[in-house]
Amino acid sequence: MTSKQRAYLKSLASSLDPVFQVGKSSLTPQVTEAIGEAFNTRELIKVAVLKNCMDDPGEIAEMVAQRTHSQVVQVIGKKIVLYKPDKDNPKIQLP
């Protein structure tokens, strides 16, 4: 992913609300599975890491991206933005 594509996805993600929250039990298989299923209906997902989660948001982002075969767009504070293009009908056209 180029820096232009990443910047474009960041601009799209700025208006999104977090779809999932990672809490004190950290990244459970259920959370990972739910995020993977959410990529069936959307291509760009924002995840919030709650204050009671002691794990590093960057590490959580990398693990989720690896397990869901998506890409980390950005990690700012405790917010993670992930992108996975739809194979059949991509809605987001990257520059």
Protein backbone atom coordinates (compact mmCIF):
# COMPACT_ATOMS: atom_id res chain seq x y z
CA MET A 1 0.00 0.00 0.00
CA THR A 2 1.44 3.37 -1.02
CA SER A 3 1.43 6.47 1.15
CA LYS A 4 -1.21 8.08 -1.10
CA GLN A 5 -3.50 5.10 -0.71
CA ARG A 6 -2.94 5.07 3.05
CA ALA A 7 -3.71 8.81 3.27
CA TYR A 8 -6.90 8.31 1.26
CA LEU A 9 -8.05 5.50 3.56
CA LYS A 10 -7.22 7.61 6.63
CA SER A 11 -9.42 10.40 5.30
CA LEU A 12 -12.30 7.95 4.78
CA ALA A 13 -11.80 6.47 8.25
CA SER A 14 -11.85 9.83 10.02
CA SER A 15 -15.65 9.94 9.84
CA LEU A 16 -16.14 6.31 10.95
CA ASP A 17 -17.17 5.28 14.44
CA PRO A 18 -15.45 2.27 16.03
CA VAL A 19 -17.31 -0.95 15.18
CA PHE A 20 -15.53 -3.13 17.77
CA GLN A 21 -13.99 -2.61 21.18
CA VAL A 22 -11.13 -4.63 22.64
CA GLY A 23 -11.39 -4.74 26.44
CA LYS A 24 -9.52 -6.19 29.38
CA SER A 25 -9.73 -9.75 28.07
CA SER A 26 -7.67 -8.43 25.12
CA LEU A 27 -7.91 -10.08 21.72
CA THR A 28 -10.10 -13.16 22.06
CA PRO A 29 -10.78 -15.57 19.18
CA GLN A 30 -14.41 -14.37 19.22
CA VAL A 31 -13.38 -10.74 18.66
CA THR A 32 -11.04 -11.75 15.85
CA GLU A 33 -13.75 -13.86 14.23
CA ALA A 34 -16.30 -11.04 14.51
CA ILE A 35 -13.90 -8.57 12.88
CA GLY A 36 -13.25 -11.08 10.09
CA GLU A 37 -16.98 -11.45 9.50
CA ALA A 38 -17.44 -7.68 9.45
CA PHE A 39 -15.15 -7.53 6.41
CA ASN A 40 -17.93 -9.35 4.52
CA THR A 41 -20.03 -6.17 4.57
CA ARG A 42 -17.44 -3.39 4.80
CA GLU A 43 -13.91 -2.79 3.64
CA LEU A 44 -12.76 -0.25 6.23
CA ILE A 45 -13.17 -0.94 9.96
CA LYS A 46 -12.25 1.09 13.02
CA VAL A 47 -11.53 -0.72 16.30
CA ALA A 48 -11.25 0.93 19.71
CA VAL A 49 -8.93 -0.42 22.38
CA LEU A 50 -10.38 0.36 25.80
CA LYS A 51 -8.35 1.84 28.66
CA ASN A 52 -8.61 -1.36 30.71
CA CYS A 53 -6.78 -3.35 28.00
CA MET A 54 -3.12 -3.59 28.97
CA ASP A 55 -1.84 -4.75 25.57
CA ASP A 56 -0.20 -2.42 23.06
CA PRO A 57 -2.66 -1.24 20.35
CA GLY A 58 0.07 -1.62 17.69
CA GLU A 59 0.57 -5.27 18.57
CA ILE A 60 -3.18 -5.87 18.63
CA ALA A 61 -3.49 -4.24 15.19
CA GLU A 62 -0.78 -6.48 13.73
CA MET A 63 -2.33 -9.64 15.20
CA VAL A 64 -5.82 -8.78 13.91
CA ALA A 65 -4.46 -7.90 10.46
CA GLN A 66 -2.54 -11.16 10.29
CA ARG A 67 -5.49 -13.29 11.42
CA THR A 68 -8.08 -11.58 9.17
CA HIS A 69 -5.73 -11.14 6.17
CA SER A 70 -6.28 -7.37 6.23
CA GLN A 71 -3.95 -4.37 6.31
CA VAL A 72 -3.33 -1.90 9.11
CA VAL A 73 -4.05 1.61 7.82
CA GLN A 74 -3.22 3.45 11.03
CA VAL A 75 -2.95 3.17 14.78
CA ILE A 76 -3.52 6.45 16.59
CA GLY A 77 -3.63 6.26 20.35
CA LYS A 78 -6.10 3.49 21.09
CA LYS A 79 -7.86 3.53 17.70
CA ILE A 80 -7.02 1.04 14.96
CA VAL A 81 -8.11 1.29 11.32
CA LEU A 82 -8.04 -1.86 9.19
CA TYR A 83 -8.63 -2.28 5.45
CA LYS A 84 -9.47 -5.37 3.44
CA PRO A 85 -10.69 -4.95 -0.15
CA ASP A 86 -13.74 -6.89 -1.27
CA LYS A 87 -12.62 -9.52 -3.79
CA ASP A 88 -15.77 -9.52 -5.90
CA ASN A 89 -17.11 -5.96 -5.71
CA PRO A 90 -14.68 -3.42 -4.19
CA LYS A 91 -16.50 -0.30 -3.00
CA ILE A 92 -13.39 1.75 -2.26
CA GLN A 93 -11.32 2.63 -5.30
CA LEU A 94 -7.74 3.35 -4.23
CA PRO A 95 -5.84 6.08 -6.11
